[in-house]
Amino acid sequence: MDLSGLSLAELSDLQEKIKQEVKQRQKQEVVRAREQILAIAQSVGVPLDELLSVSSKAGKSAKPRKPVAVRYRHPKDASLQWTGRGRQPQWVKDWLAGGNSLDSLGV
């Protein structure tokens, strides 16, 4: 399709039609996917609500996570804390850049 001969108004109109067509096709794909899922569930004899409840439990961990204890605390501002896990907060980086040791922040 050669678009070079179209005016700006025609291009804008075409763009809007494309957006509408994309939305319509996305809806059709969702309907098709839903029908396929229902067909699969029926073919194995599993009710859809049971199938959905099993999948939602699969992503959850078996044990709830416990909070991790704070290992480092800023000496002047006790609200600045770090467990020692993950990336170092900026205040820890600044502390270490100032020539101080991580051990001096220990709780």
PDB file of N, CA and C in Angstrom:
ATOM      1  N   MET A   1       0.846  -1.177   0.000  1.00  0.00           N
ATOM      2  CA  MET A   1       0.000   0.000   0.000  1.00  0.00           C
ATOM      3  C   MET A   1       0.889   1.237   0.000  1.00  0.00           C
ATOM      4  N   ASP A   2       0.701   2.083  -0.988  1.00  0.00           N
ATOM      5  CA  ASP A   2       1.484   3.298  -1.122  1.00  0.00           C
ATOM      6  C   ASP A   2       0.771   4.429  -0.380  1.00  0.00           C
ATOM      7  N   LEU A   3       1.396   4.917   0.677  1.00  0.00           N
ATOM      8  CA  LEU A   3       0.797   5.969   1.505  1.00  0.00           C
ATOM      9  C   LEU A   3       1.249   7.366   1.087  1.00  0.00           C
ATOM     10  N   SER A   4       2.212   7.453   0.221  1.00  0.00           N
ATOM     11  CA  SER A   4       2.784   8.751  -0.133  1.00  0.00           C
ATOM     12  C   SER A   4       1.789   9.663  -0.846  1.00  0.00           C
ATOM     13  N   GLY A   5       0.770   9.123  -1.497  1.00  0.00           N
ATOM     14  CA  GLY A   5      -0.193   9.946  -2.219  1.00  0.00           C
ATOM     15  C   GLY A   5      -1.353  10.410  -1.366  1.00  0.00           C
ATOM     16  N   LEU A   6      -1.416   9.981  -0.113  1.00  0.00           N
ATOM     17  CA  LEU A   6      -2.536  10.352   0.750  1.00  0.00           C
ATOM     18  C   LEU A   6      -2.288  11.684   1.437  1.00  0.00           C
ATOM     19  N   SER A   7      -3.366  12.427   1.657  1.00  0.00           N
ATOM     20  CA  SER A   7      -3.260  13.701   2.363  1.00  0.00           C
ATOM     21  C   SER A   7      -3.166  13.416   3.861  1.00  0.00           C
ATOM     22  N   LEU A   8      -2.870  14.464   4.609  1.00  0.00           N
ATOM     23  CA  LEU A   8      -2.764  14.326   6.059  1.00  0.00           C
ATOM     24  C   LEU A   8      -4.098  13.884   6.663  1.00  0.00           C
ATOM     25  N   ALA A   9      -5.194  14.430   6.169  1.00  0.00           N
ATOM     26  CA  ALA A   9      -6.523  14.057   6.665  1.00  0.00           C
ATOM     27  C   ALA A   9      -6.814  12.585   6.374  1.00  0.00           C
ATOM     28  N   GLU A  10      -6.446  12.152   5.185  1.00  0.00           N
ATOM     29  CA  GLU A  10      -6.671  10.746   4.822  1.00  0.00           C
ATOM     30  C   GLU A  10      -5.808   9.814   5.678  1.00  0.00           C
ATOM     31  N   LEU A  11      -4.568  10.232   5.948  1.00  0.00           N
ATOM     32  CA  LEU A  11      -3.700   9.428   6.805  1.00  0.00           C
ATOM     33  C   LEU A  11      -4.240   9.345   8.231  1.00  0.00           C
ATOM     34  N   SER A  12      -4.748  10.456   8.746  1.00  0.00           N
ATOM     35  CA  SER A  12      -5.327  10.468  10.090  1.00  0.00           C
ATOM     36  C   SER A  12      -6.552   9.566  10.158  1.00  0.00           C
ATOM     37  N   ASP A  13      -7.376   9.613   9.124  1.00  0.00           N
ATOM     38  CA  ASP A  13      -8.561   8.766   9.058  1.00  0.00           C
ATOM     39  C   ASP A  13      -8.158   7.291   9.013  1.00  0.00           C
ATOM     40  N   LEU A  14      -7.155   6.999   8.231  1.00  0.00           N
ATOM     41  CA  LEU A  14      -6.661   5.628   8.127  1.00  0.00           C
ATOM     42  C   LEU A  14      -6.087   5.154   9.470  1.00  0.00           C
ATOM     43  N   GLN A  15      -5.386   6.038  10.138  1.00  0.00           N
ATOM     44  CA  GLN A  15      -4.813   5.711  11.437  1.00  0.00           C
ATOM     45  C   GLN A  15      -5.914   5.361  12.444  1.00  0.00           C
ATOM     46  N   GLU A  16      -6.992   6.129  12.454  1.00  0.00           N
ATOM     47  CA  GLU A  16      -8.115   5.873  13.363  1.00  0.00           C
ATOM     48  C   GLU A  16      -8.780   4.540  13.036  1.00  0.00           C
ATOM     49  N   LYS A  17      -8.947   4.260  11.749  1.00  0.00           N
ATOM     50  CA  LYS A  17      -9.544   2.985  11.344  1.00  0.00           C
ATOM     51  C   LYS A  17      -8.672   1.808  11.774  1.00  0.00           C
ATOM     52  N   ILE A  18      -7.367   1.995  11.697  1.00  0.00           N
ATOM     53  CA  ILE A  18      -6.443   0.936  12.115  1.00  0.00           C
ATOM     54  C   ILE A  18      -6.557   0.688  13.612  1.00  0.00           C
ATOM     55  N   LYS A  19      -6.630   1.764  14.398  1.00  0.00           N
ATOM     56  CA  LYS A  19      -6.781   1.618  15.856  1.00  0.00           C
ATOM     57  C   LYS A  19      -8.046   0.843  16.190  1.00  0.00           C
ATOM     58  N   GLN A  20      -9.149   1.181  15.511  1.00  0.00           N
ATOM     59  CA  GLN A  20     -10.417   0.493  15.762  1.00  0.00           C
ATOM     60  C   GLN A  20     -10.331  -0.981  15.369  1.00  0.00           C
ATOM     61  N   GLU A  21      -9.684  -1.257  14.264  1.00  0.00           N
ATOM     62  CA  GLU A  21      -9.545  -2.644  13.800  1.00  0.00           C
ATOM     63  C   GLU A  21      -8.678  -3.451  14.762  1.00  0.00           C
ATOM     64  N   VAL A  22      -7.627  -2.856  15.273  1.00  0.00           N
ATOM     65  CA  VAL A  22      -6.759  -3.542  16.235  1.00  0.00           C
ATOM     66  C   VAL A  22      -7.543  -3.870  17.497  1.00  0.00           C
ATOM     67  N   LYS A  23      -8.321  -2.927  18.011  1.00  0.00           N
ATOM     68  CA  LYS A  23      -9.131  -3.180  19.204  1.00  0.00           C
ATOM     69  C   LYS A  23     -10.127  -4.309  18.963  1.00  0.00           C
ATOM     70  N   GLN A  24     -10.774  -4.285  17.820  1.00  0.00           N
ATOM     71  CA  GLN A  24     -11.764  -5.308  17.497  1.00  0.00           C
ATOM     72  C   GLN A  24     -11.100  -6.691  17.410  1.00  0.00           C
ATOM     73  N   ARG A  25      -9.954  -6.764  16.792  1.00  0.00           N
ATOM     74  CA  ARG A  25      -9.265  -8.052  16.660  1.00  0.00           C
ATOM     75  C   ARG A  25      -8.745  -8.544  18.005  1.00  0.00           C
ATOM     76  N   GLN A  26      -8.316  -7.638  18.873  1.00  0.00           N
ATOM     77  CA  GLN A  26      -7.883  -8.045  20.205  1.00  0.00           C
ATOM     78  C   GLN A  26      -9.048  -8.653  20.974  1.00  0.00           C
ATOM     79  N   LYS A  27     -10.223  -8.051  20.875  1.00  0.00           N
ATOM     80  CA  LYS A  27     -11.404  -8.597  21.534  1.00  0.00           C
ATOM     81  C   LYS A  27     -11.734  -9.981  20.989  1.00  0.00           C
ATOM     82  N   GLN A  28     -11.613 -10.139  19.669  1.00  0.00           N
ATOM     83  CA  GLN A  28     -11.884 -11.435  19.054  1.00  0.00           C
ATOM     84  C   GLN A  28     -10.897 -12.490  19.540  1.00  0.00           C
ATOM     85  N   GLU A  29      -9.650 -12.107  19.690  1.00  0.00           N
ATOM     86  CA  GLU A  29      -8.637 -13.040  20.181  1.00  0.00           C
ATOM     87  C   GLU A  29      -8.933 -13.471  21.611  1.00  0.00           C
ATOM     88  N   VAL A  30      -9.375 -12.554  22.443  1.00  0.00           N
ATOM     89  CA  VAL A  30      -9.726 -12.884  23.832  1.00  0.00           C
ATOM     90  C   VAL A  30     -10.897 -13.859  23.851  1.00  0.00           C
ATOM     91  N   VAL A  31     -11.892 -13.609  23.020  1.00  0.00           N
ATOM     92  CA  VAL A  31     -13.051 -14.514  22.954  1.00  0.00           C
ATOM     93  C   VAL A  31     -12.602 -15.896  22.501  1.00  0.00           C
ATOM     94  N   ARG A  32     -11.758 -15.967  21.477  1.00  0.00           N
ATOM     95  CA  ARG A  32     -11.250 -17.263  20.989  1.00  0.00           C
ATOM     96  C   ARG A  32     -10.446 -17.985  22.058  1.00  0.00           C
ATOM     97  N   ALA A  33      -9.609 -17.254  22.762  1.00  0.00           N
ATOM     98  CA  ALA A  33      -8.798 -17.861  23.820  1.00  0.00           C
ATOM     99  C   ALA A  33      -9.688 -18.390  24.936  1.00  0.00           C
ATOM    100  N   ARG A  34     -10.691 -17.626  25.307  1.00  0.00           N
ATOM    101  CA  ARG A  34     -11.620 -18.049  26.351  1.00  0.00           C
ATOM    102  C   ARG A  34     -12.345 -19.333  25.935  1.00  0.00           C
ATOM    103  N   GLU A  35     -12.773 -19.383  24.682  1.00  0.00           N
ATOM    104  CA  GLU A  35     -13.458 -20.574  24.178  1.00  0.00           C
ATOM    105  C   GLU A  35     -12.531 -21.786  24.194  1.00  0.00           C
ATOM    106  N   GLN A  36     -11.272 -21.579  23.841  1.00  0.00           N
ATOM    107  CA  GLN A  36     -10.316 -22.681  23.856  1.00  0.00           C
ATOM    108  C   GLN A  36     -10.081 -23.190  25.277  1.00  0.00           C
ATOM    109  N   ILE A  37      -9.969 -22.268  26.212  1.00  0.00           N
ATOM    110  CA  ILE A  37      -9.767 -22.658  27.610  1.00  0.00           C
ATOM    111  C   ILE A  37     -10.960 -23.443  28.120  1.00  0.00           C
ATOM    112  N   LEU A  38     -12.156 -22.970  27.821  1.00  0.00           N
ATOM    113  CA  LEU A  38     -13.364 -23.690  28.230  1.00  0.00           C
ATOM    114  C   LEU A  38     -13.413 -25.082  27.618  1.00  0.00           C
ATOM    115  N   ALA A  39     -13.045 -25.195  26.337  1.00  0.00           N
ATOM    116  CA  ALA A  39     -13.062 -26.484  25.657  1.00  0.00           C
ATOM    117  C   ALA A  39     -12.061 -27.446  26.294  1.00  0.00           C
ATOM    118  N   ILE A  40     -10.893 -26.957  26.618  1.00  0.00           N
ATOM    119  CA  ILE A  40      -9.883 -27.804  27.260  1.00  0.00           C
ATOM    120  C   ILE A  40     -10.366 -28.260  28.625  1.00  0.00           C
ATOM    121  N   ALA A  41     -10.919 -27.338  29.407  1.00  0.00           N
ATOM    122  CA  ALA A  41     -11.423 -27.689  30.739  1.00  0.00           C
ATOM    123  C   ALA A  41     -12.523 -28.735  30.638  1.00  0.00           C
ATOM    124  N   GLN A  42     -13.421 -28.582  29.676  1.00  0.00           N
ATOM    125  CA  GLN A  42     -14.511 -29.545  29.510  1.00  0.00           C
ATOM    126  C   GLN A  42     -13.981 -30.891  29.032  1.00  0.00           C
ATOM    127  N   SER A  43     -12.954 -30.893  28.182  1.00  0.00           N
ATOM    128  CA  SER A  43     -12.438 -32.150  27.649  1.00  0.00           C
ATOM    129  C   SER A  43     -11.769 -33.001  28.721  1.00  0.00           C
ATOM    130  N   VAL A  44     -11.213 -32.359  29.746  1.00  0.00           N
ATOM    131  CA  VAL A  44     -10.586 -33.122  30.839  1.00  0.00           C
ATOM    132  C   VAL A  44     -11.520 -33.283  32.023  1.00  0.00           C
ATOM    133  N   GLY A  45     -12.702 -32.705  31.922  1.00  0.00           N
ATOM    134  CA  GLY A  45     -13.707 -32.873  32.968  1.00  0.00           C
ATOM    135  C   GLY A  45     -13.460 -32.060  34.220  1.00  0.00           C
ATOM    136  N   VAL A  46     -12.784 -30.936  34.080  1.00  0.00           N
ATOM    137  CA  VAL A  46     -12.503 -30.073  35.228  1.00  0.00           C
ATOM    138  C   VAL A  46     -13.356 -28.825  35.115  1.00  0.00           C
ATOM    139  N   PRO A  47     -14.137 -28.518  36.152  1.00  0.00           N
ATOM    140  CA  PRO A  47     -14.903 -27.271  36.113  1.00  0.00           C
ATOM    141  C   PRO A  47     -13.956 -26.067  36.047  1.00  0.00           C
ATOM    142  N   LEU A  48     -14.364 -25.059  35.322  1.00  0.00           N
ATOM    143  CA  LEU A  48     -13.511 -23.903  35.105  1.00  0.00           C
ATOM    144  C   LEU A  48     -13.154 -23.201  36.409  1.00  0.00           C
ATOM    145  N   ASP A  49     -14.097 -23.080  37.326  1.00  0.00           N
ATOM    146  CA  ASP A  49     -13.785 -22.406  38.594  1.00  0.00           C
ATOM    147  C   ASP A  49     -12.730 -23.171  39.384  1.00  0.00           C
ATOM    148  N   GLU A  50     -12.760 -24.494  39.303  1.00  0.00           N
ATOM    149  CA  GLU A  50     -11.735 -25.290  39.980  1.00  0.00           C
ATOM    150  C   GLU A  50     -10.383 -25.108  39.303  1.00  0.00           C
ATOM    151  N   LEU A  51     -10.397 -25.060  38.003  1.00  0.00           N
ATOM    152  CA  LEU A  51      -9.169 -24.848  37.247  1.00  0.00           C
ATOM    153  C   LEU A  51      -8.542 -23.506  37.605  1.00  0.00           C
ATOM    154  N   LEU A  52      -9.351 -22.477  37.713  1.00  0.00           N
ATOM    155  CA  LEU A  52      -8.836 -21.152  38.043  1.00  0.00           C
ATOM    156  C   LEU A  52      -8.350 -21.077  39.477  1.00  0.00           C
ATOM    157  N   SER A  53      -9.014 -21.755  40.396  1.00  0.00           N
ATOM    158  CA  SER A  53      -8.586 -21.698  41.793  1.00  0.00           C
ATOM    159  C   SER A  53      -7.274 -22.441  41.983  1.00  0.00           C
ATOM    160  N   VAL A  54      -7.031 -23.502  41.223  1.00  0.00           N
ATOM    161  CA  VAL A  54      -5.769 -24.222  41.314  1.00  0.00           C
ATOM    162  C   VAL A  54      -4.635 -23.362  40.797  1.00  0.00           C
ATOM    163  N   SER A  55      -4.840 -22.680  39.685  1.00  0.00           N
ATOM    164  CA  SER A  55      -3.767 -21.876  39.107  1.00  0.00           C
ATOM    165  C   SER A  55      -3.428 -20.677  39.972  1.00  0.00           C
ATOM    166  N   SER A  56      -4.403 -20.127  40.679  1.00  0.00           N
ATOM    167  CA  SER A  56      -4.096 -18.973  41.512  1.00  0.00           C
ATOM    168  C   SER A  56      -3.308 -19.373  42.747  1.00  0.00           C
ATOM    169  N   LYS A  57      -3.462 -20.618  43.211  1.00  0.00           N
ATOM    170  CA  LYS A  57      -2.704 -21.074  44.370  1.00  0.00           C
ATOM    171  C   LYS A  57      -1.293 -21.487  43.990  1.00  0.00           C
ATOM    172  N   ALA A  58      -1.080 -21.836  42.733  1.00  0.00           N
ATOM    173  CA  ALA A  58       0.226 -22.328  42.305  1.00  0.00           C
ATOM    174  C   ALA A  58       1.306 -21.255  42.406  1.00  0.00           C
ATOM    175  N   GLY A  59       0.957 -20.002  42.228  1.00  0.00           N
ATOM    176  CA  GLY A  59       1.950 -18.943  42.259  1.00  0.00           C
ATOM    177  C   GLY A  59       2.328 -18.489  43.652  1.00  0.00           C
ATOM    178  N   LYS A  60       1.591 -18.920  44.651  1.00  0.00           N
ATOM    179  CA  LYS A  60       1.861 -18.482  46.011  1.00  0.00           C
ATOM    180  C   LYS A  60       2.835 -19.431  46.686  1.00  0.00           C
ATOM    181  N   SER A  61       3.692 -18.892  47.530  1.00  0.00           N
ATOM    182  CA  SER A  61       4.629 -19.738  48.256  1.00  0.00           C
ATOM    183  C   SER A  61       3.907 -20.442  49.392  1.00  0.00           C
ATOM    184  N   ALA A  62       4.434 -21.571  49.799  1.00  0.00           N
ATOM    185  CA  ALA A  62       3.797 -22.385  50.824  1.00  0.00           C
ATOM    186  C   ALA A  62       3.888 -21.720  52.192  1.00  0.00           C
ATOM    187  N   LYS A  63       5.000 -21.077  52.477  1.00  0.00           N
ATOM    188  CA  LYS A  63       5.203 -20.461  53.785  1.00  0.00           C
ATOM    189  C   LYS A  63       5.167 -18.939  53.653  1.00  0.00           C
ATOM    190  N   PRO A  64       4.504 -18.272  54.570  1.00  0.00           N
ATOM    191  CA  PRO A  64       4.558 -16.809  54.531  1.00  0.00           C
ATOM    192  C   PRO A  64       5.956 -16.341  54.937  1.00  0.00           C
ATOM    193  N   ARG A  65       6.401 -15.296  54.286  1.00  0.00           N
ATOM    194  CA  ARG A  65       7.741 -14.786  54.580  1.00  0.00           C
ATOM    195  C   ARG A  65       7.741 -13.981  55.873  1.00  0.00           C
ATOM    196  N   LYS A  66       8.783 -14.184  56.642  1.00  0.00           N
ATOM    197  CA  LYS A  66       8.944 -13.432  57.875  1.00  0.00           C
ATOM    198  C   LYS A  66       9.786 -12.198  57.591  1.00  0.00           C
ATOM    199  N   PRO A  67       9.520 -11.121  58.295  1.00  0.00           N
ATOM    200  CA  PRO A  67      10.342  -9.922  58.088  1.00  0.00           C
ATOM    201  C   PRO A  67      11.789 -10.194  58.503  1.00  0.00           C
ATOM    202  N   VAL A  68      12.709  -9.568  57.797  1.00  0.00           N
ATOM    203  CA  VAL A  68      14.133  -9.739  58.066  1.00  0.00           C
ATOM    204  C   VAL A  68      14.562  -8.684  59.076  1.00  0.00           C
ATOM    205  N   ALA A  69      15.382  -9.097  60.015  1.00  0.00           N
ATOM    206  CA  ALA A  69      15.848  -8.177  61.058  1.00  0.00           C
ATOM    207  C   ALA A  69      16.801  -7.133  60.470  1.00  0.00           C
ATOM    208  N   VAL A  70      16.757  -5.948  61.024  1.00  0.00           N
ATOM    209  CA  VAL A  70      17.630  -4.856  60.607  1.00  0.00           C
ATOM    210  C   VAL A  70      19.036  -5.156  61.107  1.00  0.00           C
ATOM    211  N   ARG A  71      20.021  -5.059  60.205  1.00  0.00           N
ATOM    212  CA  ARG A  71      21.412  -5.316  60.585  1.00  0.00           C
ATOM    213  C   ARG A  71      22.237  -4.036  60.667  1.00  0.00           C
ATOM    214  N   TYR A  72      21.804  -2.996  59.948  1.00  0.00           N
ATOM    215  CA  TYR A  72      22.564  -1.751  59.903  1.00  0.00           C
ATOM    216  C   TYR A  72      21.628  -0.576  60.136  1.00  0.00           C
ATOM    217  N   ARG A  73      22.093   0.362  60.952  1.00  0.00           N
ATOM    218  CA  ARG A  73      21.295   1.555  61.263  1.00  0.00           C
ATOM    219  C   ARG A  73      22.231   2.756  61.274  1.00  0.00           C
ATOM    220  N   HIS A  74      21.765   3.857  60.701  1.00  0.00           N
ATOM    221  CA  HIS A  74      22.557   5.084  60.661  1.00  0.00           C
ATOM    222  C   HIS A  74      22.748   5.586  62.093  1.00  0.00           C
ATOM    223  N   PRO A  75      23.973   5.981  62.468  1.00  0.00           N
ATOM    224  CA  PRO A  75      24.216   6.397  63.857  1.00  0.00           C
ATOM    225  C   PRO A  75      23.520   7.695  64.271  1.00  0.00           C
ATOM    226  N   LYS A  76      23.244   8.570  63.317  1.00  0.00           N
ATOM    227  CA  LYS A  76      22.617   9.845  63.669  1.00  0.00           C
ATOM    228  C   LYS A  76      21.116   9.862  63.405  1.00  0.00           C
ATOM    229  N   ASP A  77      20.641   9.020  62.508  1.00  0.00           N
ATOM    230  CA  ASP A  77      19.225   8.986  62.158  1.00  0.00           C
ATOM    231  C   ASP A  77      18.749   7.531  62.197  1.00  0.00           C
ATOM    232  N   ALA A  78      18.108   7.145  63.293  1.00  0.00           N
ATOM    233  CA  ALA A  78      17.701   5.751  63.502  1.00  0.00           C
ATOM    234  C   ALA A  78      16.630   5.299  62.512  1.00  0.00           C
ATOM    235  N   SER A  79      15.990   6.233  61.824  1.00  0.00           N
ATOM    236  CA  SER A  79      14.968   5.836  60.856  1.00  0.00           C
ATOM    237  C   SER A  79      15.596   5.262  59.577  1.00  0.00           C
ATOM    238  N   LEU A  80      16.889   5.502  59.372  1.00  0.00           N
ATOM    239  CA  LEU A  80      17.603   4.958  58.217  1.00  0.00           C
ATOM    240  C   LEU A  80      18.138   3.586  58.593  1.00  0.00           C
ATOM    241  N   GLN A  81      17.507   2.559  58.030  1.00  0.00           N
ATOM    242  CA  GLN A  81      17.855   1.183  58.369  1.00  0.00           C
ATOM    243  C   GLN A  81      18.064   0.379  57.103  1.00  0.00           C
ATOM    244  N   TRP A  82      18.822  -0.729  57.256  1.00  0.00           N
ATOM    245  CA  TRP A  82      19.047  -1.636  56.141  1.00  0.00           C
ATOM    246  C   TRP A  82      19.234  -3.037  56.686  1.00  0.00           C
ATOM    247  N   THR A  83      18.617  -4.004  56.028  1.00  0.00           N
ATOM    248  CA  THR A  83      18.711  -5.397  56.480  1.00  0.00           C
ATOM    249  C   THR A  83      19.999  -6.058  56.031  1.00  0.00           C
ATOM    250  N   GLY A  84      20.696  -5.459  55.086  1.00  0.00           N
ATOM    251  CA  GLY A  84      21.897  -6.069  54.547  1.00  0.00           C
ATOM    252  C   GLY A  84      21.603  -6.875  53.296  1.00  0.00           C
ATOM    253  N   ARG A  85      20.345  -6.939  52.915  1.00  0.00           N
ATOM    254  CA  ARG A  85      19.943  -7.661  51.715  1.00  0.00           C
ATOM    255  C   ARG A  85      19.623  -6.657  50.602  1.00  0.00           C
ATOM    256  N   GLY A  86      19.849  -7.094  49.390  1.00  0.00           N
ATOM    257  CA  GLY A  86      19.532  -6.229  48.263  1.00  0.00           C
ATOM    258  C   GLY A  86      20.583  -5.145  48.078  1.00  0.00           C
ATOM    259  N   ARG A  87      20.220  -4.164  47.281  1.00  0.00           N
ATOM    260  CA  ARG A  87      21.142  -3.073  46.990  1.00  0.00           C
ATOM    261  C   ARG A  87      21.338  -2.200  48.215  1.00  0.00           C
ATOM    262  N   GLN A  88      22.533  -1.656  48.324  1.00  0.00           N
ATOM    263  CA  GLN A  88      22.818  -0.757  49.431  1.00  0.00           C
ATOM    264  C   GLN A  88      22.063   0.544  49.247  1.00  0.00           C
ATOM    265  N   PRO A  89      21.410   1.025  50.299  1.00  0.00           N
ATOM    266  CA  PRO A  89      20.768   2.345  50.201  1.00  0.00           C
ATOM    267  C   PRO A  89      21.828   3.431  50.004  1.00  0.00           C
ATOM    268  N   GLN A  90      21.387   4.562  49.515  1.00  0.00           N
ATOM    269  CA  GLN A  90      22.320   5.659  49.244  1.00  0.00           C
ATOM    270  C   GLN A  90      23.039   6.109  50.501  1.00  0.00           C
ATOM    271  N   TRP A  91      22.361   6.106  51.637  1.00  0.00           N
ATOM    272  CA  TRP A  91      23.011   6.557  52.864  1.00  0.00           C
ATOM    273  C   TRP A  91      24.151   5.616  53.270  1.00  0.00           C
ATOM    274  N   VAL A  92      24.030   4.328  52.963  1.00  0.00           N
ATOM    275  CA  VAL A  92      25.110   3.380  53.244  1.00  0.00           C
ATOM    276  C   VAL A  92      26.275   3.655  52.297  1.00  0.00           C
ATOM    277  N   LYS A  93      25.968   3.874  51.034  1.00  0.00           N
ATOM    278  CA  LYS A  93      27.025   4.177  50.068  1.00  0.00           C
ATOM    279  C   LYS A  93      27.779   5.448  50.470  1.00  0.00           C
ATOM    280  N   ASP A  94      27.020   6.463  50.893  1.00  0.00           N
ATOM    281  CA  ASP A  94      27.648   7.721  51.324  1.00  0.00           C
ATOM    282  C   ASP A  94      28.523   7.488  52.553  1.00  0.00           C
ATOM    283  N   TRP A  95      28.060   6.669  53.469  1.00  0.00           N
ATOM    284  CA  TRP A  95      28.795   6.349  54.695  1.00  0.00           C
ATOM    285  C   TRP A  95      30.128   5.683  54.342  1.00  0.00           C
ATOM    286  N   LEU A  96      30.064   4.699  53.448  1.00  0.00           N
ATOM    287  CA  LEU A  96      31.275   3.980  53.056  1.00  0.00           C
ATOM    288  C   LEU A  96      32.218   4.869  52.253  1.00  0.00           C
ATOM    289  N   ALA A  97      31.655   5.764  51.418  1.00  0.00           N
ATOM    290  CA  ALA A  97      32.471   6.688  50.639  1.00  0.00           C
ATOM    291  C   ALA A  97      33.194   7.681  51.541  1.00  0.00           C
ATOM    292  N   GLY A  98      32.645   7.923  52.713  1.00  0.00           N
ATOM    293  CA  GLY A  98      33.260   8.847  53.662  1.00  0.00           C
ATOM    294  C   GLY A  98      34.401   8.214  54.450  1.00  0.00           C
ATOM    295  N   GLY A  99      34.756   6.974  54.101  1.00  0.00           N
ATOM    296  CA  GLY A  99      35.867   6.318  54.774  1.00  0.00           C
ATOM    297  C   GLY A  99      35.464   5.530  55.997  1.00  0.00           C
ATOM    298  N   ASN A 100      34.195   5.397  56.263  1.00  0.00           N
ATOM    299  CA  ASN A 100      33.723   4.631  57.412  1.00  0.00           C
ATOM    300  C   ASN A 100      33.532   3.176  57.026  1.00  0.00           C
ATOM    301  N   SER A 101      33.436   2.315  58.022  1.00  0.00           N
ATOM    302  CA  SER A 101      33.259   0.887  57.737  1.00  0.00           C
ATOM    303  C   SER A 101      31.803   0.486  57.932  1.00  0.00           C
ATOM    304  N   LEU A 102      31.420  -0.576  57.286  1.00  0.00           N
ATOM    305  CA  LEU A 102      30.075  -1.117  57.413  1.00  0.00           C
ATOM    306  C   LEU A 102      29.851  -1.663  58.819  1.00  0.00           C
ATOM    307  N   ASP A 103      30.903  -2.174  59.428  1.00  0.00           N
ATOM    308  CA  ASP A 103      30.795  -2.722  60.784  1.00  0.00           C
ATOM    309  C   ASP A 103      30.370  -1.660  61.796  1.00  0.00           C
ATOM    310  N   SER A 104      30.742  -0.415  61.555  1.00  0.00           N
ATOM    311  CA  SER A 104      30.383   0.655  62.493  1.00  0.00           C
ATOM    312  C   SER A 104      28.892   0.983  62.456  1.00  0.00           C
ATOM    313  N   LEU A 105      28.180   0.496  61.418  1.00  0.00           N
ATOM    314  CA  LEU A 105      26.739   0.707  61.329  1.00  0.00           C
ATOM    315  C   LEU A 105      25.946  -0.443  61.943  1.00  0.00           C
ATOM    316  N   GLY A 106      26.628  -1.513  62.307  1.00  0.00           N
ATOM    317  CA  GLY A 106      25.954  -2.705  62.814  1.00  0.00           C
ATOM    318  C   GLY A 106      25.112  -2.425  64.038  1.00  0.00           C
ATOM    319  N   VAL A 107      23.996  -3.128  64.115  1.00  0.00           N
ATOM    320  CA  VAL A 107      23.054  -2.942  65.223  1.00  0.00           C
ATOM    321  C   VAL A 107      23.553  -3.662  66.448  1.00  0.00           C
TER     322      VAL A 107
END
